[in-house]
Amino acid sequence: MPARWIIHTVGPVWRGGNAGEADLLAACYRNSCALAAEHRLATMAFPAISCGVYGYPPEAAAAIAVVQCRQALATHPDLERIDLVAFDPTMVRVLEKAMAES
């Protein structure tokens, strides 16, 4: 069985949208994907970063997640798959909508 890794990232706390939250959240995805690529990982999964107790608006966070993950897949050839994991049915719908719209 191949080794399994955990890459932990802490997303930004939502402070109203004018404190650089979008850039910080995008960096969470970019940096985690770059680290995965550095270690030649083929797959990874992300929860809905910052959408729980950190209060990031789910629709905005999902749009960032989808864009950053698609860019990572295009940039890092060893990275074959990224799963976006939802913590409830509402978040599933939000992620599905973000994927359809991007």
C-alpha atoms as a PDB file:
ATOM      1  CA  MET A   1       0.000   0.000   0.000  1.00  0.00           C
ATOM      2  CA  PRO A   2       1.391   3.436  -0.876  1.00  0.00           C
ATOM      3  CA  ALA A   3       2.231   5.828   1.920  1.00  0.00           C
ATOM      4  CA  ARG A   4      -0.507   8.216   2.944  1.00  0.00           C
ATOM      5  CA  TRP A   5       0.154  11.836   3.815  1.00  0.00           C
ATOM      6  CA  ILE A   6      -1.750  14.479   5.676  1.00  0.00           C
ATOM      7  CA  ILE A   7      -1.124  18.048   4.627  1.00  0.00           C
ATOM      8  CA  HIS A   8      -2.739  20.352   7.135  1.00  0.00           C
ATOM      9  CA  THR A   9      -3.657  23.893   6.228  1.00  0.00           C
ATOM     10  CA  VAL A  10      -5.456  26.473   8.310  1.00  0.00           C
ATOM     11  CA  GLY A  11      -7.739  28.750   6.373  1.00  0.00           C
ATOM     12  CA  PRO A  12      -8.519  32.357   7.163  1.00  0.00           C
ATOM     13  CA  VAL A  13     -11.197  33.550   9.523  1.00  0.00           C
ATOM     14  CA  TRP A  14     -13.846  35.542   7.670  1.00  0.00           C
ATOM     15  CA  ARG A  15     -13.615  39.196   8.709  1.00  0.00           C
ATOM     16  CA  GLY A  16     -16.046  40.669   6.225  1.00  0.00           C
ATOM     17  CA  GLY A  17     -14.063  40.173   3.027  1.00  0.00           C
ATOM     18  CA  ASN A  18     -11.789  43.199   3.173  1.00  0.00           C
ATOM     19  CA  ALA A  19      -8.931  41.671   5.154  1.00  0.00           C
ATOM     20  CA  GLY A  20      -7.321  39.667   2.347  1.00  0.00           C
ATOM     21  CA  GLU A  21      -9.322  36.537   3.092  1.00  0.00           C
ATOM     22  CA  ALA A  22      -9.684  35.508  -0.567  1.00  0.00           C
ATOM     23  CA  ASP A  23      -5.940  35.685  -1.174  1.00  0.00           C
ATOM     24  CA  LEU A  24      -5.242  33.777   2.028  1.00  0.00           C
ATOM     25  CA  LEU A  25      -7.738  31.052   1.187  1.00  0.00           C
ATOM     26  CA  ALA A  26      -6.393  30.694  -2.349  1.00  0.00           C
ATOM     27  CA  ALA A  27      -2.879  30.398  -0.906  1.00  0.00           C
ATOM     28  CA  CYS A  28      -4.031  27.532   1.335  1.00  0.00           C
ATOM     29  CA  TYR A  29      -5.019  25.545  -1.732  1.00  0.00           C
ATOM     30  CA  ARG A  30      -1.999  26.578  -3.834  1.00  0.00           C
ATOM     31  CA  ASN A  31       0.543  25.828  -1.118  1.00  0.00           C
ATOM     32  CA  SER A  32      -1.028  22.488  -0.215  1.00  0.00           C
ATOM     33  CA  CYS A  33      -1.125  21.441  -3.872  1.00  0.00           C
ATOM     34  CA  ALA A  34       2.472  22.530  -4.383  1.00  0.00           C
ATOM     35  CA  LEU A  35       3.540  20.477  -1.375  1.00  0.00           C
ATOM     36  CA  ALA A  36       1.632  17.473  -2.697  1.00  0.00           C
ATOM     37  CA  ALA A  37       3.317  17.898  -6.077  1.00  0.00           C
ATOM     38  CA  GLU A  38       6.722  18.224  -4.432  1.00  0.00           C
ATOM     39  CA  HIS A  39       6.169  14.812  -2.860  1.00  0.00           C
ATOM     40  CA  ARG A  40       4.732  13.424  -6.105  1.00  0.00           C
ATOM     41  CA  LEU A  41       1.347  12.619  -4.642  1.00  0.00           C
ATOM     42  CA  ALA A  42      -1.284  11.570  -7.148  1.00  0.00           C
ATOM     43  CA  THR A  43      -4.428  12.323  -5.181  1.00  0.00           C
ATOM     44  CA  MET A  44      -5.559  14.604  -2.413  1.00  0.00           C
ATOM     45  CA  ALA A  45      -8.736  15.823  -0.763  1.00  0.00           C
ATOM     46  CA  PHE A  46      -9.776  19.104   0.785  1.00  0.00           C
ATOM     47  CA  PRO A  47     -12.568  19.822   3.232  1.00  0.00           C
ATOM     48  CA  ALA A  48     -14.516  23.032   2.799  1.00  0.00           C
ATOM     49  CA  ILE A  49     -11.648  25.117   4.191  1.00  0.00           C
ATOM     50  CA  SER A  50     -12.756  27.984   6.470  1.00  0.00           C
ATOM     51  CA  CYS A  51     -16.483  27.309   5.895  1.00  0.00           C
ATOM     52  CA  GLY A  52     -17.202  25.997   9.370  1.00  0.00           C
ATOM     53  CA  VAL A  53     -16.406  27.891  12.547  1.00  0.00           C
ATOM     54  CA  TYR A  54     -14.207  30.348  10.607  1.00  0.00           C
ATOM     55  CA  GLY A  55     -17.330  31.703   8.940  1.00  0.00           C
ATOM     56  CA  TYR A  56     -16.179  32.018   5.326  1.00  0.00           C
ATOM     57  CA  PRO A  57     -19.217  32.323   3.023  1.00  0.00           C
ATOM     58  CA  PRO A  58     -19.551  28.886   1.402  1.00  0.00           C
ATOM     59  CA  GLU A  59     -20.269  30.121  -2.131  1.00  0.00           C
ATOM     60  CA  ALA A  60     -17.204  32.372  -2.182  1.00  0.00           C
ATOM     61  CA  ALA A  61     -14.998  29.704  -0.636  1.00  0.00           C
ATOM     62  CA  ALA A  62     -16.208  27.047  -3.084  1.00  0.00           C
ATOM     63  CA  ALA A  63     -15.457  29.277  -6.080  1.00  0.00           C
ATOM     64  CA  ILE A  64     -11.894  29.780  -4.831  1.00  0.00           C
ATOM     65  CA  ALA A  65     -11.467  26.064  -4.117  1.00  0.00           C
ATOM     66  CA  VAL A  66     -12.591  25.025  -7.585  1.00  0.00           C
ATOM     67  CA  VAL A  67     -10.390  27.549  -9.387  1.00  0.00           C
ATOM     68  CA  GLN A  68      -7.307  26.732  -7.341  1.00  0.00           C
ATOM     69  CA  CYS A  69      -7.772  22.969  -7.628  1.00  0.00           C
ATOM     70  CA  ARG A  70      -8.273  23.131 -11.383  1.00  0.00           C
ATOM     71  CA  GLN A  71      -5.154  25.277 -11.727  1.00  0.00           C
ATOM     72  CA  ALA A  72      -3.196  22.797  -9.608  1.00  0.00           C
ATOM     73  CA  LEU A  73      -4.308  19.866 -11.742  1.00  0.00           C
ATOM     74  CA  ALA A  74      -3.241  21.758 -14.869  1.00  0.00           C
ATOM     75  CA  THR A  75       0.100  22.801 -13.359  1.00  0.00           C
ATOM     76  CA  HIS A  76       1.252  19.638 -11.574  1.00  0.00           C
ATOM     77  CA  PRO A  77       1.294  16.607 -13.894  1.00  0.00           C
ATOM     78  CA  ASP A  78       1.735  14.049 -11.087  1.00  0.00           C
ATOM     79  CA  LEU A  79      -1.398  15.304  -9.374  1.00  0.00           C
ATOM     80  CA  GLU A  80      -4.198  13.277 -10.952  1.00  0.00           C
ATOM     81  CA  ARG A  81      -7.191  13.938  -8.719  1.00  0.00           C
ATOM     82  CA  ILE A  82      -8.401  16.381  -6.081  1.00  0.00           C
ATOM     83  CA  ASP A  83     -11.580  15.685  -4.155  1.00  0.00           C
ATOM     84  CA  LEU A  84     -13.529  18.506  -2.541  1.00  0.00           C
ATOM     85  CA  VAL A  85     -15.234  17.096   0.538  1.00  0.00           C
ATOM     86  CA  ALA A  86     -18.459  18.514   1.950  1.00  0.00           C
ATOM     87  CA  PHE A  87     -19.554  18.290   5.563  1.00  0.00           C
ATOM     88  CA  ASP A  88     -23.282  18.382   4.804  1.00  0.00           C
ATOM     89  CA  PRO A  89     -25.725  18.207   1.860  1.00  0.00           C
ATOM     90  CA  THR A  90     -25.902  21.990   1.572  1.00  0.00           C
ATOM     91  CA  MET A  91     -22.146  22.207   1.040  1.00  0.00           C
ATOM     92  CA  VAL A  92     -22.366  19.420  -1.549  1.00  0.00           C
ATOM     93  CA  ARG A  93     -24.784  21.580  -3.557  1.00  0.00           C
ATOM     94  CA  VAL A  94     -22.572  24.654  -3.143  1.00  0.00           C
ATOM     95  CA  LEU A  95     -19.504  22.766  -4.415  1.00  0.00           C
ATOM     96  CA  GLU A  96     -21.438  21.230  -7.306  1.00  0.00           C
ATOM     97  CA  LYS A  97     -22.686  24.658  -8.339  1.00  0.00           C
ATOM     98  CA  ALA A  98     -19.173  26.131  -8.153  1.00  0.00           C
ATOM     99  CA  MET A  99     -17.821  23.318 -10.331  1.00  0.00           C
ATOM    100  CA  ALA A 100     -20.574  23.808 -12.886  1.00  0.00           C
ATOM    101  CA  GLU A 101     -20.039  27.570 -13.033  1.00  0.00           C
ATOM    102  CA  SER A 102     -16.261  27.664 -13.349  1.00  0.00           C
END
